[in-house]
N, C-alpha and C. Protein backbone atom coordinates (compact mmCIF):
# COMPACT_ATOMS: atom_id res chain seq x y z
N MET A 1 8.71 -5.76 6.27
CA MET A 1 8.34 -5.65 4.93
C MET A 1 8.21 -7.04 4.28
N LEU A 2 9.06 -7.99 4.73
CA LEU A 2 9.03 -9.30 4.10
C LEU A 2 7.89 -10.16 4.66
N VAL A 3 7.67 -10.02 5.97
CA VAL A 3 6.56 -10.75 6.57
C VAL A 3 5.77 -9.78 7.42
N PRO A 4 4.93 -8.98 6.82
CA PRO A 4 4.13 -7.98 7.65
C PRO A 4 3.13 -8.62 8.60
N LYS A 5 2.89 -7.92 9.73
CA LYS A 5 2.02 -8.39 10.72
C LYS A 5 0.99 -7.28 10.98
N PRO A 6 -0.15 -7.67 11.55
CA PRO A 6 -1.24 -6.67 11.81
C PRO A 6 -0.64 -5.53 12.66
N SER A 7 -1.15 -4.35 12.43
CA SER A 7 -0.82 -3.11 13.10
C SER A 7 0.60 -2.57 12.76
N GLU A 8 1.28 -3.17 11.83
CA GLU A 8 2.56 -2.64 11.44
C GLU A 8 2.39 -1.61 10.34
N SER A 9 3.35 -0.79 10.09
CA SER A 9 3.40 0.19 8.98
C SER A 9 4.19 -0.36 7.84
N ILE A 10 3.66 -0.15 6.62
CA ILE A 10 4.37 -0.58 5.45
C ILE A 10 4.52 0.65 4.55
N TYR A 11 5.63 1.02 4.17
CA TYR A 11 5.91 2.18 3.33
C TYR A 11 6.65 1.77 2.07
N ASP A 12 6.09 2.19 0.93
CA ASP A 12 6.72 2.01 -0.36
C ASP A 12 7.05 3.31 -0.99
N PRO A 13 8.35 3.72 -1.01
CA PRO A 13 8.71 5.12 -1.43
C PRO A 13 8.49 5.30 -2.96
N ALA A 14 8.38 4.27 -3.72
CA ALA A 14 8.15 4.35 -5.13
C ALA A 14 7.13 3.31 -5.55
N CYS A 15 5.84 3.56 -5.13
CA CYS A 15 4.83 2.53 -5.06
C CYS A 15 4.34 2.10 -6.50
N GLY A 16 4.60 2.93 -7.46
CA GLY A 16 4.13 2.48 -8.86
C GLY A 16 2.66 2.30 -8.78
N SER A 17 2.19 1.06 -9.23
CA SER A 17 0.81 0.79 -9.32
C SER A 17 0.23 0.17 -7.97
N GLY A 18 1.02 0.12 -6.87
CA GLY A 18 0.63 -0.31 -5.58
C GLY A 18 0.73 -1.77 -5.34
N GLY A 19 1.43 -2.43 -6.19
CA GLY A 19 1.54 -3.95 -6.11
C GLY A 19 2.10 -4.41 -4.77
N MET A 20 3.17 -3.78 -4.29
CA MET A 20 3.74 -4.26 -3.07
C MET A 20 2.73 -4.07 -1.83
N LEU A 21 2.11 -3.00 -1.88
CA LEU A 21 1.14 -2.66 -0.79
C LEU A 21 -0.04 -3.75 -0.85
N ILE A 22 -0.48 -4.07 -2.02
CA ILE A 22 -1.52 -5.08 -2.18
C ILE A 22 -1.06 -6.44 -1.73
N ILE A 23 0.15 -6.85 -2.13
CA ILE A 23 0.64 -8.18 -1.71
C ILE A 23 0.87 -8.23 -0.21
N SER A 24 1.35 -7.09 0.46
CA SER A 24 1.48 -7.07 1.88
C SER A 24 0.17 -7.22 2.55
N TYR A 25 -0.81 -6.51 2.05
CA TYR A 25 -2.19 -6.62 2.67
C TYR A 25 -2.75 -8.06 2.50
N LYS A 26 -2.60 -8.59 1.31
CA LYS A 26 -3.17 -9.94 1.08
C LYS A 26 -2.41 -11.00 1.95
N HIS A 27 -1.15 -10.79 2.16
CA HIS A 27 -0.44 -11.79 3.03
C HIS A 27 -1.05 -11.78 4.42
N VAL A 28 -1.22 -10.54 5.00
CA VAL A 28 -1.74 -10.49 6.36
C VAL A 28 -3.22 -10.95 6.34
N GLU A 29 -3.95 -10.75 5.30
CA GLU A 29 -5.37 -11.20 5.20
C GLU A 29 -5.41 -12.74 5.19
N ASN A 30 -4.51 -13.35 4.45
CA ASN A 30 -4.43 -14.81 4.38
C ASN A 30 -3.94 -15.47 5.72
N GLU A 31 -3.04 -14.81 6.40
CA GLU A 31 -2.41 -15.31 7.61
C GLU A 31 -3.37 -15.05 8.86
N HIS A 32 -3.98 -13.89 8.84
CA HIS A 32 -4.65 -13.50 10.08
C HIS A 32 -6.15 -13.08 9.90
N GLY A 33 -6.59 -12.98 8.70
CA GLY A 33 -7.96 -12.55 8.41
C GLY A 33 -8.07 -11.10 8.02
N ARG A 34 -9.20 -10.76 7.44
CA ARG A 34 -9.50 -9.49 6.89
C ARG A 34 -9.51 -8.36 7.98
N LYS A 35 -10.04 -8.67 9.15
CA LYS A 35 -10.12 -7.74 10.17
C LYS A 35 -8.75 -7.24 10.65
N GLU A 36 -7.81 -8.23 10.75
CA GLU A 36 -6.40 -7.87 11.08
C GLU A 36 -5.68 -7.19 10.00
N ALA A 37 -5.98 -7.45 8.65
CA ALA A 37 -5.30 -6.84 7.63
C ALA A 37 -5.77 -5.34 7.58
N ASP A 38 -6.95 -5.01 7.93
CA ASP A 38 -7.44 -3.64 7.98
C ASP A 38 -6.74 -2.84 9.02
N LYS A 39 -5.96 -3.48 9.89
CA LYS A 39 -5.21 -2.78 10.94
C LYS A 39 -3.84 -2.31 10.42
N LEU A 40 -3.48 -2.76 9.22
CA LEU A 40 -2.16 -2.32 8.67
C LEU A 40 -2.18 -0.86 8.41
N PHE A 41 -1.01 -0.21 8.52
CA PHE A 41 -0.83 1.14 8.10
C PHE A 41 -0.06 1.12 6.79
N LEU A 42 -0.72 1.37 5.66
CA LEU A 42 -0.17 1.32 4.30
C LEU A 42 0.17 2.69 3.80
N PHE A 43 1.38 2.99 3.44
CA PHE A 43 1.79 4.26 2.90
C PHE A 43 2.57 4.07 1.64
N GLY A 44 2.28 4.97 0.67
CA GLY A 44 2.96 4.88 -0.61
C GLY A 44 3.23 6.26 -1.12
N GLN A 45 4.27 6.43 -1.99
CA GLN A 45 4.54 7.69 -2.60
C GLN A 45 4.95 7.43 -4.04
N GLU A 46 4.42 8.28 -4.93
CA GLU A 46 4.78 8.07 -6.38
C GLU A 46 5.01 9.45 -7.00
N ALA A 47 5.98 9.61 -7.89
CA ALA A 47 6.37 10.82 -8.50
C ALA A 47 5.43 11.16 -9.68
N ASN A 48 4.91 10.15 -10.29
CA ASN A 48 4.03 10.38 -11.54
C ASN A 48 2.59 10.36 -11.14
N TYR A 49 1.96 11.51 -11.39
CA TYR A 49 0.59 11.59 -10.87
C TYR A 49 -0.39 10.59 -11.61
N LYS A 50 -0.16 10.24 -12.81
CA LYS A 50 -1.02 9.21 -13.53
C LYS A 50 -0.76 7.87 -12.93
N THR A 51 0.49 7.53 -12.66
CA THR A 51 0.75 6.25 -11.96
C THR A 51 0.12 6.21 -10.59
N LEU A 52 0.22 7.34 -9.88
CA LEU A 52 -0.44 7.47 -8.58
C LEU A 52 -1.93 7.20 -8.64
N ALA A 53 -2.55 7.76 -9.62
CA ALA A 53 -4.01 7.51 -9.87
C ALA A 53 -4.29 6.04 -10.05
N LEU A 54 -3.45 5.40 -10.90
CA LEU A 54 -3.53 4.00 -11.17
C LEU A 54 -3.35 3.21 -9.84
N ALA A 55 -2.42 3.61 -8.95
CA ALA A 55 -2.28 2.85 -7.75
C ALA A 55 -3.51 3.00 -6.85
N LYS A 56 -4.03 4.18 -6.75
CA LYS A 56 -5.25 4.38 -5.92
C LYS A 56 -6.44 3.50 -6.43
N MET A 57 -6.58 3.48 -7.83
CA MET A 57 -7.64 2.69 -8.42
C MET A 57 -7.39 1.15 -8.16
N ASN A 58 -6.11 0.76 -8.24
CA ASN A 58 -5.74 -0.60 -8.00
C ASN A 58 -6.08 -1.02 -6.56
N LEU A 59 -5.78 -0.21 -5.64
CA LEU A 59 -6.12 -0.47 -4.24
C LEU A 59 -7.64 -0.51 -4.04
N TYR A 60 -8.39 0.39 -4.62
CA TYR A 60 -9.79 0.44 -4.54
C TYR A 60 -10.40 -0.85 -5.10
N ILE A 61 -9.87 -1.30 -6.30
CA ILE A 61 -10.44 -2.48 -6.90
C ILE A 61 -10.15 -3.73 -6.00
N HIS A 62 -9.16 -3.72 -5.24
CA HIS A 62 -8.84 -4.83 -4.38
C HIS A 62 -9.54 -4.65 -2.96
N ASP A 63 -10.33 -3.65 -2.91
CA ASP A 63 -11.14 -3.34 -1.64
C ASP A 63 -10.17 -3.10 -0.47
N ILE A 64 -9.12 -2.34 -0.69
CA ILE A 64 -8.17 -1.97 0.38
C ILE A 64 -8.38 -0.47 0.55
N ARG A 65 -8.88 -0.16 1.76
CA ARG A 65 -9.24 1.24 2.03
C ARG A 65 -8.32 1.96 3.06
N ASN A 66 -7.36 1.19 3.65
CA ASN A 66 -6.55 1.70 4.67
C ASN A 66 -5.15 2.14 4.15
N ALA A 67 -5.05 2.58 2.93
CA ALA A 67 -3.80 3.08 2.44
C ALA A 67 -3.77 4.55 2.17
N HIS A 68 -2.70 5.16 2.42
CA HIS A 68 -2.50 6.57 2.22
C HIS A 68 -1.38 6.77 1.16
N LEU A 69 -1.76 7.24 -0.03
CA LEU A 69 -0.86 7.38 -1.10
C LEU A 69 -0.74 8.87 -1.41
N VAL A 70 0.52 9.34 -1.62
CA VAL A 70 0.74 10.78 -1.96
C VAL A 70 1.61 10.97 -3.14
N LEU A 71 1.55 12.06 -3.78
CA LEU A 71 2.38 12.47 -4.94
C LEU A 71 3.66 13.06 -4.36
N GLY A 72 4.78 12.45 -4.85
CA GLY A 72 6.06 13.07 -4.39
C GLY A 72 7.21 12.22 -4.91
N ASP A 73 8.34 12.80 -4.87
CA ASP A 73 9.57 12.19 -5.41
C ASP A 73 10.57 11.97 -4.23
N THR A 74 10.85 10.77 -3.93
CA THR A 74 11.69 10.48 -2.77
C THR A 74 13.20 10.88 -2.99
N LEU A 75 13.56 11.07 -4.24
CA LEU A 75 14.96 11.38 -4.57
C LEU A 75 15.18 12.91 -4.65
N TRP A 76 14.08 13.67 -4.65
CA TRP A 76 14.20 15.14 -4.81
C TRP A 76 14.62 15.73 -3.49
N LEU A 77 15.65 16.51 -3.43
CA LEU A 77 16.12 17.10 -2.22
C LEU A 77 15.87 18.61 -2.13
């Protein structure tokens, strides 16, 4: 999570607007190039559907298409 590498999985259990996923993607893109950044497995979960929509839009604006975001609460048992 601190130094992501191509083909690794990154999961943010409370992704909010998707900032951590974007930063992880951009780090790999800067270090290894766009082609390798597209090999990342990006996963996020958010409990608020409006914030989830914002995260999806944020990733789309940054041209990141390899993320899978879902609605859910990580603390709900």
